[in-house]
PDB file of N, CA and C in Angstrom:
ATOM      1  N   UNK A   1       0.685  -1.329  -0.058  1.00  0.00           N
ATOM      2  CA  UNK A   1      -0.333   0.024  -0.112  1.00  0.00           C
ATOM      3  C   UNK A   1       0.856   1.270   0.034  1.00  0.00           C
ATOM      4  N   UNK A   2       0.819   1.973  -0.966  1.00  0.00           N
ATOM      5  CA  UNK A   2       1.527   3.210  -1.100  1.00  0.00           C
ATOM      6  C   UNK A   2       0.660   4.405  -0.680  1.00  0.00           C
ATOM      7  N   UNK A   3       1.218   5.203   0.341  1.00  0.00           N
ATOM      8  CA  UNK A   3       0.234   6.490   0.521  1.00  0.00           C
ATOM      9  C   UNK A   3       0.955   7.677  -0.081  1.00  0.00           C
ATOM     10  N   UNK A   4      -0.034   8.682  -0.356  1.00  0.00           N
ATOM     11  CA  UNK A   4       0.285   9.859  -0.630  1.00  0.00           C
ATOM     12  C   UNK A   4       0.021  10.739   0.103  1.00  0.00           C
ATOM     13  N   UNK A   5       0.595  11.840   0.413  1.00  0.00           N
ATOM     14  CA  UNK A   5       0.568  12.801   1.147  1.00  0.00           C
ATOM     15  C   UNK A   5       0.739  14.159   0.840  1.00  0.00           C
ATOM     16  N   UNK A   6      -0.677  14.798   1.084  1.00  0.00           N
ATOM     17  CA  UNK A   6      -0.475  16.153   0.410  1.00  0.00           C
ATOM     18  C   UNK A   6      -0.133  17.504   1.606  1.00  0.00           C
ATOM     19  N   UNK A   7      -0.493  18.424   0.813  1.00  0.00           N
ATOM     20  CA  UNK A   7      -0.118  19.315   1.886  1.00  0.00           C
ATOM     21  C   UNK A   7      -0.149  19.539   3.391  1.00  0.00           C
ATOM     22  N   UNK A   8      -1.223  19.201   3.695  1.00  0.00           N
ATOM     23  CA  UNK A   8      -1.997  19.287   5.161  1.00  0.00           C
ATOM     24  C   UNK A   8      -0.856  17.850   5.979  1.00  0.00           C
ATOM     25  N   UNK A   9      -0.513  17.063   5.366  1.00  0.00           N
ATOM     26  CA  UNK A   9       0.110  15.905   6.038  1.00  0.00           C
ATOM     27  C   UNK A   9       1.466  16.417   6.538  1.00  0.00           C
ATOM     28  N   UNK A  10       2.264  17.095   5.518  1.00  0.00           N
ATOM     29  CA  UNK A  10       3.538  17.758   5.698  1.00  0.00           C
ATOM     30  C   UNK A  10       3.840  18.850   6.105  1.00  0.00           C
ATOM     31  N   UNK A  11       2.713  19.798   6.296  1.00  0.00           N
ATOM     32  CA  UNK A  11       2.570  20.579   7.427  1.00  0.00           C
ATOM     33  C   UNK A  11       2.412  20.196   8.829  1.00  0.00           C
ATOM     34  N   UNK A  12       1.757  18.931   8.655  1.00  0.00           N
ATOM     35  CA  UNK A  12       1.555  18.391  10.130  1.00  0.00           C
ATOM     36  C   UNK A  12       2.863  17.982  10.720  1.00  0.00           C
ATOM     37  N   UNK A  13       3.509  17.153   9.806  1.00  0.00           N
ATOM     38  CA  UNK A  13       4.472  16.218  10.122  1.00  0.00           C
ATOM     39  C   UNK A  13       5.771  17.627  10.692  1.00  0.00           C
ATOM     40  N   UNK A  14       5.764  18.460   9.675  1.00  0.00           N
ATOM     41  CA  UNK A  14       7.061  19.544  10.062  1.00  0.00           C
ATOM     42  C   UNK A  14       6.076  20.174  11.389  1.00  0.00           C
ATOM     43  N   UNK A  15       5.187  20.198  11.775  1.00  0.00           N
ATOM     44  CA  UNK A  15       4.738  20.798  13.283  1.00  0.00           C
ATOM     45  C   UNK A  15       5.014  19.910  14.393  1.00  0.00           C
ATOM     46  N   UNK A  16       5.068  18.695  13.760  1.00  0.00           N
ATOM     47  CA  UNK A  16       5.438  17.507  14.852  1.00  0.00           C
ATOM     48  C   UNK A  16       6.734  17.397  15.240  1.00  0.00           C
ATOM     49  N   UNK A  17       7.597  17.522  14.073  1.00  0.00           N
ATOM     50  CA  UNK A  17       9.015  17.750  14.063  1.00  0.00           C
ATOM     51  C   UNK A  17       9.527  18.999  14.750  1.00  0.00           C
ATOM     52  N   UNK A  18       9.169  20.235  14.580  1.00  0.00           N
ATOM     53  CA  UNK A  18       9.474  21.312  15.271  1.00  0.00           C
ATOM     54  C   UNK A  18       9.095  21.185  16.805  1.00  0.00           C
ATOM     55  N   UNK A  19       8.072  20.531  17.096  1.00  0.00           N
ATOM     56  CA  UNK A  19       7.527  20.272  18.712  1.00  0.00           C
ATOM     57  C   UNK A  19       8.659  19.093  19.083  1.00  0.00           C
ATOM     58  N   UNK A  20       9.182  18.211  18.411  1.00  0.00           N
ATOM     59  CA  UNK A  20      10.332  17.296  18.939  1.00  0.00           C
ATOM     60  C   UNK A  20      11.536  17.811  19.098  1.00  0.00           C
ATOM     61  N   UNK A  21      11.715  18.495  18.293  1.00  0.00           N
ATOM     62  CA  UNK A  21      12.980  19.089  18.164  1.00  0.00           C
ATOM     63  C   UNK A  21      13.898  19.230  19.300  1.00  0.00           C
ATOM     64  N   UNK A  22      13.110  20.287  20.169  1.00  0.00           N
ATOM     65  CA  UNK A  22      14.040  20.482  21.679  1.00  0.00           C
ATOM     66  C   UNK A  22      14.765  19.111  22.153  1.00  0.00           C
ATOM     67  N   UNK A  23      13.783  18.230  21.872  1.00  0.00           N
ATOM     68  CA  UNK A  23      14.046  16.897  23.060  1.00  0.00           C
ATOM     69  C   UNK A  23      14.657  15.600  22.022  1.00  0.00           C
ATOM     70  N   UNK A  24      15.150  16.311  20.746  1.00  0.00           N
ATOM     71  CA  UNK A  24      16.019  15.201  19.768  1.00  0.00           C
ATOM     72  C   UNK A  24      17.199  15.268  20.552  1.00  0.00           C
ATOM     73  N   UNK A  25      17.251  13.664  20.540  1.00  0.00           N
ATOM     74  CA  UNK A  25      18.570  13.461  21.731  1.00  0.00           C
ATOM     75  C   UNK A  25      19.526  12.995  20.668  1.00  0.00           C
ATOM     76  N   UNK A  26      20.421  13.666  19.939  1.00  0.00           N
ATOM     77  CA  UNK A  26      21.530  13.354  19.064  1.00  0.00           C
ATOM     78  C   UNK A  26      21.477  11.977  18.311  1.00  0.00           C
ATOM     79  N   UNK A  27      19.948  12.037  17.409  1.00  0.00           N
ATOM     80  CA  UNK A  27      20.039  10.902  16.492  1.00  0.00           C
ATOM     81  C   UNK A  27      19.283   9.720  17.157  1.00  0.00           C
ATOM     82  N   UNK A  28      18.812   9.835  18.465  1.00  0.00           N
ATOM     83  CA  UNK A  28      18.136   8.333  19.079  1.00  0.00           C
ATOM     84  C   UNK A  28      16.844   8.696  19.175  1.00  0.00           C
ATOM     85  N   UNK A  29      16.166   7.701  19.167  1.00  0.00           N
ATOM     86  CA  UNK A  29      15.010   7.521  19.541  1.00  0.00           C
ATOM     87  C   UNK A  29      14.799   8.143  20.765  1.00  0.00           C
ATOM     88  N   UNK A  30      13.613   8.828  20.682  1.00  0.00           N
ATOM     89  CA  UNK A  30      13.284   9.649  22.259  1.00  0.00           C
ATOM     90  C   UNK A  30      11.806   9.025  22.428  1.00  0.00           C
ATOM     91  N   UNK A  31      11.179   8.385  21.776  1.00  0.00           N
ATOM     92  CA  UNK A  31       9.737   7.834  22.471  1.00  0.00           C
ATOM     93  C   UNK A  31       9.846   6.466  22.012  1.00  0.00           C
ATOM     94  N   UNK A  32       9.418   5.167  22.569  1.00  0.00           N
ATOM     95  CA  UNK A  32       9.002   3.855  22.295  1.00  0.00           C
ATOM     96  C   UNK A  32       7.889   3.898  21.352  1.00  0.00           C
ATOM     97  N   UNK A  33       6.822   4.568  21.617  1.00  0.00           N
ATOM     98  CA  UNK A  33       5.660   4.316  20.640  1.00  0.00           C
ATOM     99  C   UNK A  33       4.326   5.486  21.182  1.00  0.00           C
ATOM    100  N   UNK A  34       3.827   5.837  20.311  1.00  0.00           N
ATOM    101  CA  UNK A  34       2.776   7.050  20.404  1.00  0.00           C
ATOM    102  C   UNK A  34       1.640   6.231  19.624  1.00  0.00           C
ATOM    103  N   UNK A  35       0.596   6.685  20.579  1.00  0.00           N
ATOM    104  CA  UNK A  35      -0.979   6.032  19.727  1.00  0.00           C
ATOM    105  C   UNK A  35      -1.859   7.573  19.448  1.00  0.00           C
ATOM    106  N   UNK A  36      -2.155   7.536  18.128  1.00  0.00           N
ATOM    107  CA  UNK A  36      -3.137   8.628  17.770  1.00  0.00           C
ATOM    108  C   UNK A  36      -4.568   8.234  17.909  1.00  0.00           C
ATOM    109  N   UNK A  37      -5.457   9.300  18.538  1.00  0.00           N
ATOM    110  CA  UNK A  37      -6.925   9.023  18.828  1.00  0.00           C
ATOM    111  C   UNK A  37      -7.298  10.115  17.543  1.00  0.00           C
ATOM    112  N   UNK A  38      -7.885   9.705  16.555  1.00  0.00           N
ATOM    113  CA  UNK A  38      -8.259  10.699  15.423  1.00  0.00           C
ATOM    114  C   UNK A  38      -9.814  10.867  15.507  1.00  0.00           C
ATOM    115  N   UNK A  39     -10.325  12.205  15.624  1.00  0.00           N
ATOM    116  CA  UNK A  39     -11.362  12.455  16.051  1.00  0.00           C
ATOM    117  C   UNK A  39     -12.203  12.195  14.746  1.00  0.00           C
ATOM    118  N   UNK A  40     -12.112  11.536  13.810  1.00  0.00           N
ATOM    119  CA  UNK A  40     -12.632  11.486  12.523  1.00  0.00           C
ATOM    120  C   UNK A  40     -12.948  10.002  11.904  1.00  0.00           C
ATOM    121  N   UNK A  41     -13.299   9.919  10.624  1.00  0.00           N
ATOM    122  CA  UNK A  41     -13.066   8.506   9.896  1.00  0.00           C
ATOM    123  C   UNK A  41     -12.144   8.437   9.262  1.00  0.00           C
ATOM    124  N   UNK A  42     -11.957   6.930   9.165  1.00  0.00           N
ATOM    125  CA  UNK A  42     -10.933   6.458   8.217  1.00  0.00           C
ATOM    126  C   UNK A  42     -10.756   7.329   6.892  1.00  0.00           C
ATOM    127  N   UNK A  43      -9.553   7.764   6.470  1.00  0.00           N
ATOM    128  CA  UNK A  43      -9.496   8.403   5.151  1.00  0.00           C
ATOM    129  C   UNK A  43     -10.067   9.994   4.923  1.00  0.00           C
ATOM    130  N   UNK A  44     -10.301  10.588   6.109  1.00  0.00           N
ATOM    131  CA  UNK A  44     -10.707  11.938   6.167  1.00  0.00           C
ATOM    132  C   UNK A  44      -9.191  12.671   6.350  1.00  0.00           C
ATOM    133  N   UNK A  45      -9.550  13.857   6.664  1.00  0.00           N
ATOM    134  CA  UNK A  45      -8.694  15.195   6.716  1.00  0.00           C
ATOM    135  C   UNK A  45      -7.864  14.435   8.085  1.00  0.00           C
ATOM    136  N   UNK A  46      -8.314  14.419   9.157  1.00  0.00           N
ATOM    137  CA  UNK A  46      -7.461  14.298  10.432  1.00  0.00           C
ATOM    138  C   UNK A  46      -6.913  12.680  10.333  1.00  0.00           C
ATOM    139  N   UNK A  47      -7.523  12.045   9.904  1.00  0.00           N
ATOM    140  CA  UNK A  47      -7.170  10.559   9.694  1.00  0.00           C
ATOM    141  C   UNK A  47      -5.809  10.554   8.944  1.00  0.00           C
ATOM    142  N   UNK A  48      -5.790  11.488   7.948  1.00  0.00           N
ATOM    143  CA  UNK A  48      -4.612  11.524   7.041  1.00  0.00           C
ATOM    144  C   UNK A  48      -3.418  12.501   7.949  1.00  0.00           C
ATOM    145  N   UNK A  49      -3.709  13.506   8.381  1.00  0.00           N
ATOM    146  CA  UNK A  49      -2.768  14.293   9.514  1.00  0.00           C
ATOM    147  C   UNK A  49      -2.272  13.285  10.051  1.00  0.00           C
ATOM    148  N   UNK A  50      -3.002  12.403  11.030  1.00  0.00           N
ATOM    149  CA  UNK A  50      -2.420  11.735  12.078  1.00  0.00           C
ATOM    150  C   UNK A  50      -1.177  10.748  11.678  1.00  0.00           C
ATOM    151  N   UNK A  51      -1.945   9.980  10.278  1.00  0.00           N
ATOM    152  CA  UNK A  51      -0.825   8.911   9.863  1.00  0.00           C
ATOM    153  C   UNK A  51       0.323   9.984   9.247  1.00  0.00           C
ATOM    154  N   UNK A  52      -0.133  10.669   8.525  1.00  0.00           N
ATOM    155  CA  UNK A  52       1.477  11.416   8.193  1.00  0.00           C
ATOM    156  C   UNK A  52       2.298  11.737   9.384  1.00  0.00           C
ATOM    157  N   UNK A  53       2.051  12.357  10.031  1.00  0.00           N
ATOM    158  CA  UNK A  53       2.695  12.630  11.103  1.00  0.00           C
ATOM    159  C   UNK A  53       3.414  11.679  11.863  1.00  0.00           C
ATOM    160  N   UNK A  54       2.762  10.595  12.071  1.00  0.00           N
ATOM    161  CA  UNK A  54       2.938   9.485  12.569  1.00  0.00           C
ATOM    162  C   UNK A  54       4.255   8.670  11.732  1.00  0.00           C
ATOM    163  N   UNK A  55       3.730   8.806  10.499  1.00  0.00           N
ATOM    164  CA  UNK A  55       4.929   8.168   9.683  1.00  0.00           C
ATOM    165  C   UNK A  55       6.180   8.997   9.676  1.00  0.00           C
ATOM    166  N   UNK A  56       6.021  10.314   9.544  1.00  0.00           N
ATOM    167  CA  UNK A  56       7.467  11.134   9.239  1.00  0.00           C
ATOM    168  C   UNK A  56       8.293  11.208  10.867  1.00  0.00           C
ATOM    169  N   UNK A  57       7.321  10.834  12.042  1.00  0.00           N
ATOM    170  CA  UNK A  57       8.097  10.689  13.342  1.00  0.00           C
ATOM    171  C   UNK A  57       8.964   9.546  13.144  1.00  0.00           C
ATOM    172  N   UNK A  58       8.175   8.268  12.983  1.00  0.00           N
ATOM    173  CA  UNK A  58       8.675   7.165  12.714  1.00  0.00           C
ATOM    174  C   UNK A  58      10.183   6.786  11.804  1.00  0.00           C
ATOM    175  N   UNK A  59       9.683   7.353  10.545  1.00  0.00           N
ATOM    176  CA  UNK A  59      10.822   7.402   9.785  1.00  0.00           C
ATOM    177  C   UNK A  59      12.203   8.324  10.044  1.00  0.00           C
ATOM    178  N   UNK A  60      11.635   9.485  10.909  1.00  0.00           N
ATOM    179  CA  UNK A  60      13.042  10.367  11.379  1.00  0.00           C
ATOM    180  C   UNK A  60      13.728   9.517  12.319  1.00  0.00           C
ATOM    181  N   UNK A  61      12.897   8.575  13.191  1.00  0.00           N
ATOM    182  CA  UNK A  61      13.973   7.769  14.205  1.00  0.00           C
ATOM    183  C   UNK A  61      13.234   8.456  15.631  1.00  0.00           C
ATOM    184  N   UNK A  62      12.539   9.087  15.499  1.00  0.00           N
ATOM    185  CA  UNK A  62      12.244   9.828  16.822  1.00  0.00           C
ATOM    186  C   UNK A  62      11.014   8.998  17.977  1.00  0.00           C
ATOM    187  N   UNK A  63      10.395   8.262  16.794  1.00  0.00           N
ATOM    188  CA  UNK A  63       9.609   7.002  17.619  1.00  0.00           C
ATOM    189  C   UNK A  63       9.780   6.013  17.004  1.00  0.00           C
ATOM    190  N   UNK A  64       9.872   5.142  18.119  1.00  0.00           N
ATOM    191  CA  UNK A  64       9.593   3.821  17.687  1.00  0.00           C
ATOM    192  C   UNK A  64       8.490   2.929  16.718  1.00  0.00           C
ATOM    193  N   UNK A  65       7.044   3.472  17.306  1.00  0.00           N
ATOM    194  CA  UNK A  65       6.292   2.920  16.507  1.00  0.00           C
ATOM    195  C   UNK A  65       5.033   3.938  17.080  1.00  0.00           C
ATOM    196  N   UNK A  66       4.080   4.085  15.865  1.00  0.00           N
ATOM    197  CA  UNK A  66       2.929   4.738  15.949  1.00  0.00           C
ATOM    198  C   UNK A  66       1.557   4.045  15.636  1.00  0.00           C
ATOM    199  N   UNK A  67       0.686   3.961  16.527  1.00  0.00           N
ATOM    200  CA  UNK A  67      -0.744   3.420  16.100  1.00  0.00           C
ATOM    201  C   UNK A  67      -1.773   4.135  16.041  1.00  0.00           C
ATOM    202  N   UNK A  68      -3.016   4.041  15.480  1.00  0.00           N
ATOM    203  CA  UNK A  68      -3.970   4.924  15.221  1.00  0.00           C
ATOM    204  C   UNK A  68      -5.313   4.325  15.710  1.00  0.00           C
ATOM    205  N   UNK A  69      -6.219   5.109  16.215  1.00  0.00           N
ATOM    206  CA  UNK A  69      -7.712   4.609  16.494  1.00  0.00           C
ATOM    207  C   UNK A  69      -8.534   5.690  16.098  1.00  0.00           C
ATOM    208  N   UNK A  70      -9.384   5.407  14.957  1.00  0.00           N
ATOM    209  CA  UNK A  70     -10.229   6.360  14.957  1.00  0.00           C
ATOM    210  C   UNK A  70     -11.543   6.339  15.606  1.00  0.00           C
ATOM    211  N   UNK A  71     -11.937   7.717  15.873  1.00  0.00           N
ATOM    212  CA  UNK A  71     -13.093   7.672  16.683  1.00  0.00           C
ATOM    213  C   UNK A  71     -13.987   8.888  16.570  1.00  0.00           C
ATOM    214  N   UNK A  72     -15.051   8.745  15.817  1.00  0.00           N
ATOM    215  CA  UNK A  72     -15.551   9.769  14.988  1.00  0.00           C
ATOM    216  C   UNK A  72     -16.627   9.812  15.792  1.00  0.00           C
ATOM    217  N   UNK A  73     -17.542  10.872  15.974  1.00  0.00           N
ATOM    218  CA  UNK A  73     -18.943  11.297  16.806  1.00  0.00           C
ATOM    219  C   UNK A  73     -18.675  12.473  17.406  1.00  0.00           C
ATOM    220  N   UNK A  74     -19.596  13.236  17.494  1.00  0.00           N
ATOM    221  CA  UNK A  74     -19.784  14.400  18.047  1.00  0.00           C
ATOM    222  C   UNK A  74     -18.974  15.619  17.735  1.00  0.00           C
ATOM    223  N   UNK A  75     -18.446  15.567  16.320  1.00  0.00           N
ATOM    224  CA  UNK A  75     -17.678  16.697  16.171  1.00  0.00           C
ATOM    225  C   UNK A  75     -16.184  16.668  16.958  1.00  0.00           C
ATOM    226  N   UNK A  76     -15.662  15.607  17.218  1.00  0.00           N
ATOM    227  CA  UNK A  76     -14.737  15.276  18.194  1.00  0.00           C
ATOM    228  C   UNK A  76     -14.947  15.067  19.479  1.00  0.00           C
ATOM    229  N   UNK A  77     -15.989  15.446  19.915  1.00  0.00           N
ATOM    230  CA  UNK A  77     -16.264  15.551  21.374  1.00  0.00           C
ATOM    231  C   UNK A  77     -16.327  13.717  21.641  1.00  0.00           C
ATOM    232  N   UNK A  78     -16.649  12.787  21.247  1.00  0.00           N
ATOM    233  CA  UNK A  78     -16.213  11.735  21.343  1.00  0.00           C
ATOM    234  C   UNK A  78     -14.684  11.247  22.126  1.00  0.00           C
ATOM    235  N   UNK A  79     -13.907  11.519  20.947  1.00  0.00           N
ATOM    236  CA  UNK A  79     -12.495  11.540  21.184  1.00  0.00           C
ATOM    237  C   UNK A  79     -11.931  12.384  22.284  1.00  0.00           C
ATOM    238  N   UNK A  80     -12.412  13.384  22.595  1.00  0.00           N
ATOM    239  CA  UNK A  80     -12.044  14.333  23.624  1.00  0.00           C
ATOM    240  C   UNK A  80     -12.368  13.594  25.120  1.00  0.00           C
ATOM    241  N   UNK A  81     -13.665  13.206  25.062  1.00  0.00           N
ATOM    242  CA  UNK A  81     -14.329  12.358  26.184  1.00  0.00           C
ATOM    243  C   UNK A  81     -13.370  11.468  26.305  1.00  0.00           C
ATOM    244  N   UNK A  82     -13.539  10.439  25.335  1.00  0.00           N
ATOM    245  CA  UNK A  82     -12.419   9.195  25.732  1.00  0.00           C
ATOM    246  C   UNK A  82     -10.958   9.655  26.628  1.00  0.00           C
ATOM    247  N   UNK A  83     -10.437  10.861  25.954  1.00  0.00           N
ATOM    248  CA  UNK A  83      -9.045  10.902  26.577  1.00  0.00           C
ATOM    249  C   UNK A  83      -9.319  11.632  27.838  1.00  0.00           C
ATOM    250  N   UNK A  84     -10.363  12.262  28.413  1.00  0.00           N
ATOM    251  CA  UNK A  84     -10.706  13.063  29.477  1.00  0.00           C
ATOM    252  C   UNK A  84     -10.853  11.665  30.384  1.00  0.00           C
ATOM    253  N   UNK A  85     -11.634  10.502  30.064  1.00  0.00           N
ATOM    254  CA  UNK A  85     -11.962   9.717  31.001  1.00  0.00           C
ATOM    255  C   UNK A  85     -10.944   8.464  31.064  1.00  0.00           C
ATOM    256  N   UNK A  86     -10.090   8.702  30.314  1.00  0.00           N
ATOM    257  CA  UNK A  86      -8.774   7.874  30.320  1.00  0.00           C
ATOM    258  C   UNK A  86      -7.635   8.418  30.407  1.00  0.00           C
ATOM    259  N   UNK A  87      -7.813   9.493  30.901  1.00  0.00           N
ATOM    260  CA  UNK A  87      -6.385  10.489  31.277  1.00  0.00           C
ATOM    261  C   UNK A  87      -5.101   9.477  32.030  1.00  0.00           C
ATOM    262  N   UNK A  88      -5.490   8.874  32.979  1.00  0.00           N
ATOM    263  CA  UNK A  88      -4.611   8.181  33.666  1.00  0.00           C
ATOM    264  C   UNK A  88      -3.885   6.876  33.176  1.00  0.00           C
ATOM    265  N   UNK A  89      -4.602   6.359  31.902  1.00  0.00           N
ATOM    266  CA  UNK A  89      -3.994   5.265  31.107  1.00  0.00           C
ATOM    267  C   UNK A  89      -3.600   5.442  29.694  1.00  0.00           C
ATOM    268  N   UNK A  90      -3.777   6.997  29.607  1.00  0.00           N
ATOM    269  CA  UNK A  90      -3.662   7.378  27.981  1.00  0.00           C
ATOM    270  C   UNK A  90      -2.045   8.090  27.748  1.00  0.00           C
ATOM    271  N   UNK A  91      -1.339   7.133  28.544  1.00  0.00           N
ATOM    272  CA  UNK A  91       0.388   7.786  28.540  1.00  0.00           C
ATOM    273  C   UNK A  91       0.823   7.640  26.935  1.00  0.00           C
ATOM    274  N   UNK A  92       1.183   8.427  26.152  1.00  0.00           N
ATOM    275  CA  UNK A  92       1.839   8.464  25.253  1.00  0.00           C
ATOM    276  C   UNK A  92       0.690   8.635  23.905  1.00  0.00           C
ATOM    277  N   UNK A  93      -0.264   8.920  24.467  1.00  0.00           N
ATOM    278  CA  UNK A  93      -1.453   9.065  23.576  1.00  0.00           C
ATOM    279  C   UNK A  93      -1.420  10.650  22.986  1.00  0.00           C
ATOM    280  N   UNK A  94      -1.759  10.654  21.310  1.00  0.00           N
ATOM    281  CA  UNK A  94      -1.808  11.933  20.978  1.00  0.00           C
ATOM    282  C   UNK A  94      -3.007  12.274  20.133  1.00  0.00           C
ATOM    283  N   UNK A  95      -3.896  13.516  20.176  1.00  0.00           N
ATOM    284  CA  UNK A  95      -4.817  13.635  19.451  1.00  0.00           C
ATOM    285  C   UNK A  95      -4.920  14.687  18.305  1.00  0.00           C
ATOM    286  N   UNK A  96      -5.274  14.661  17.180  1.00  0.00           N
ATOM    287  CA  UNK A  96      -5.393  15.594  15.738  1.00  0.00           C
ATOM    288  C   UNK A  96      -6.482  16.238  16.052  1.00  0.00           C
ATOM    289  N   UNK A  97      -6.594  17.741  16.397  1.00  0.00           N
ATOM    290  CA  UNK A  97      -7.531  18.361  16.204  1.00  0.00           C
ATOM    291  C   UNK A  97      -7.466  19.045  14.959  1.00  0.00           C
ATOM    292  N   UNK A  98      -6.574  19.631  14.642  1.00  0.00           N
ATOM    293  CA  UNK A  98      -6.673  20.322  12.789  1.00  0.00           C
ATOM    294  C   UNK A  98      -5.273  20.246  12.662  1.00  0.00           C
ATOM    295  N   UNK A  99      -5.082  20.585  11.403  1.00  0.00           N
ATOM    296  CA  UNK A  99      -3.685  20.530  10.661  1.00  0.00           C
ATOM    297  C   UNK A  99      -2.704  20.864  11.731  1.00  0.00           C
ATOM    298  N   UNK A 100      -2.331  22.011  12.227  1.00  0.00           N
ATOM    299  CA  UNK A 100      -1.443  22.533  13.001  1.00  0.00           C
ATOM    300  C   UNK A 100      -1.246  22.035  14.126  1.00  0.00           C
ATOM    301  N   UNK A 101      -2.156  21.565  14.869  1.00  0.00           N
ATOM    302  CA  UNK A 101      -2.569  21.111  16.130  1.00  0.00           C
ATOM    303  C   UNK A 101      -2.470  19.681  16.348  1.00  0.00           C
ATOM    304  N   UNK A 102      -1.658  19.120  17.266  1.00  0.00           N
ATOM    305  CA  UNK A 102      -1.675  17.774  17.804  1.00  0.00           C
ATOM    306  C   UNK A 102      -1.632  17.973  19.432  1.00  0.00           C
ATOM    307  N   UNK A 103      -2.958  17.504  20.243  1.00  0.00           N
ATOM    308  CA  UNK A 103      -2.803  17.572  21.643  1.00  0.00           C
ATOM    309  C   UNK A 103      -2.342  16.308  21.839  1.00  0.00           C
ATOM    310  N   UNK A 104      -1.728  16.193  23.053  1.00  0.00           N
ATOM    311  CA  UNK A 104      -0.948  15.024  23.882  1.00  0.00           C
ATOM    312  C   UNK A 104      -1.321  15.278  25.148  1.00  0.00           C
ATOM    313  N   UNK A 105      -1.357  13.895  25.895  1.00  0.00           N
ATOM    314  CA  UNK A 105      -1.466  13.848  26.900  1.00  0.00           C
ATOM    315  C   UNK A 105      -0.121  12.739  27.553  1.00  0.00           C
ATOM    316  N   UNK A 106       0.325  13.091  28.810  1.00  0.00           N
ATOM    317  CA  UNK A 106       1.377  12.215  29.651  1.00  0.00           C
ATOM    318  C   UNK A 106       2.302  11.535  28.472  1.00  0.00           C
ATOM    319  N   UNK A 107       2.852  12.747  27.322  1.00  0.00           N
ATOM    320  CA  UNK A 107       3.962  11.768  26.563  1.00  0.00           C
ATOM    321  C   UNK A 107       5.113  12.242  27.749  1.00  0.00           C
ATOM    322  N   UNK A 108       5.378  10.912  28.283  1.00  0.00           N
ATOM    323  CA  UNK A 108       6.576  10.709  28.918  1.00  0.00           C
ATOM    324  C   UNK A 108       8.085  10.470  28.136  1.00  0.00           C
ATOM    325  N   UNK A 109       8.844  11.526  28.314  1.00  0.00           N
ATOM    326  CA  UNK A 109      10.359  11.552  27.555  1.00  0.00           C
ATOM    327  C   UNK A 109      11.228  11.067  28.805  1.00  0.00           C
ATOM    328  N   UNK A 110      12.179  10.261  27.952  1.00  0.00           N
ATOM    329  CA  UNK A 110      13.058   9.970  28.809  1.00  0.00           C
ATOM    330  C   UNK A 110      13.902  11.070  29.802  1.00  0.00           C
ATOM    331  N   UNK A 111      14.352  10.755  30.780  1.00  0.00           N
ATOM    332  CA  UNK A 111      14.986  11.910  31.719  1.00  0.00           C
ATOM    333  C   UNK A 111      16.745  11.511  31.529  1.00  0.00           C
ATOM    334  N   UNK A 112      17.118  10.600  31.124  1.00  0.00           N
ATOM    335  CA  UNK A 112      18.320  10.295  31.107  1.00  0.00           C
ATOM    336  C   UNK A 112      18.790  10.611  29.686  1.00  0.00           C
ATOM    337  N   UNK A 113      18.499  11.384  28.932  1.00  0.00           N
ATOM    338  CA  UNK A 113      18.893  11.897  27.473  1.00  0.00           C
ATOM    339  C   UNK A 113      19.905  13.167  27.491  1.00  0.00           C
ATOM    340  N   UNK A 114      20.699  12.894  26.291  1.00  0.00           N
ATOM    341  CA  UNK A 114      21.833  13.988  26.144  1.00  0.00           C
ATOM    342  C   UNK A 114      21.291  15.302  25.292  1.00  0.00           C
ATOM    343  N   UNK A 115      21.569  16.136  25.260  1.00  0.00           N
ATOM    344  CA  UNK A 115      20.858  17.320  24.481  1.00  0.00           C
ATOM    345  C   UNK A 115      21.919  17.812  23.931  1.00  0.00           C
TER     346      UNK A 115
END
């Protein structure tokens, strides 16, 4: 399966990488895994943004693996409610809100990294 990324996915990847840049540890993987909660259906704009960002982060070696969960309903309210209700167990979970915005909950970074 070949994915084609539009301008939104490229902008999202650039935004994600600029967010991750301050914690970039000399070319080493920073986070083992991340999980994207996508507040829309498969194949939509938020879906493409999340998957493009995840692929960019894994290809750059900043993240070991990325997983995705589509949770459409309520204009994003279902996904936000899920994150609020599961905040204690949502470590490493990101939610795409719009192209330049990726929300995160409890993204734990290693403390023994060289900067």
